[in-house]
Amino acid sequence: MMMVSAGSAGSTAGGCKRRWGRGVLATAFIVGWVSLFEIATGLALEPNDPAKPRLSASWPDATSTGPGDHKLERSGPLTVTSGGTTISGLDIHGGVTISADNVTIEMSRISANAWAVIKIDPHQTGIVVRDCTIDGLGADPDGNGNQGIMGQGTFLRNNISNVENGIVLTGNRNLIEGNFIHDLDAGGTPHYDGIQIDGGISDVVIRHNTIINSHGAASAIMIDNEFGPVSNVVIEDNLLAGGSYTIYSDGKFNDSPISGISITNNHIGPGQYGPVLFRKNRPNYLQNENDGWSLVRNLRFDSSARE
């Protein structure tokens, strides 16, 4: 396994300029729950990680995400092209592009107003981003929004802010657990989403995250079929708040199916129009509570508060 420090910094990869957001969806078809179904097996995606938190009523915030008080070494932007690389303990000023398999970024801070603060190239596997602070720096000078993480992989206990979209998935088999996504802020005319799935995606677990969208658009979690079918998405034991609707599962774009969506045991702070919008699909929606905003009041947003 290769360790990368500031002295081995590479160049920043260029990002595409396609916007992944969408306008406010003003009409709703709210559904209850339907019969239980089986989510596909084989979703145990996390590598051996003894620090993985157990599910509990203690929601991720600044005290349990990011690198904490670890001393970080300053670095410029990085492009990772060697498989098996681990980046650890860096304060990275500029974006990170991952163009190899089995890359881990951990215990670091990444700050950039790039199109994606961390960009994972398509088809790369074995990517892990954990215990990092990811800061999109808010308004981008060219008026474009940005993404905290864009790609596919295992994303654990990251503190993500100042972006248009916290995590945008572009590949299959993802685990998103223990993250704190909050204070979304971007330039242009953003349509904010905490986690965004725009089709052509299967096998996703979104578990025990805190996601807050204090804007009237669009969601804490967005699922749609714009780029193809979506299947087997588990959303469980999260604290989700805000947006126009807090959770979308929207099949309006084409005939590609959205199937196998399970939304259970979440605490939701309803958005401007309500907690959920489901269109042209019927997720399994059970045992969710609309008490999210009361729980948000107990969170710690200041990273200096980490114990």
Foldseek 3Di string as FASTA:
>chain_A
DAEDAQVPADDADADDQDDPFDDADDDFDDDDFDDDDDFDPDLPADDDDPVDDDQDPDAFALQFAALFPQAADEHEEHEAQDACYEYERHAYEAAYEYNAAQYEYASYEFEELHQESYEYDPPHYNYEYGRHEFANPAEDPVQGFHEDYEEAGEYYRYEYERTQEDYEYDEENHEAESYEYDHHHYGHDGQHEDYEYAAPYERYEHERHEFEDADQGAEPYEAEHQPAEYARYEAESYQFEEYVAHYEHEHPNDPHYYYNYEHEHYAYQGYVNGHYGYYRDHYRHYHYHNHRVVVVVPHDHDNNPHD
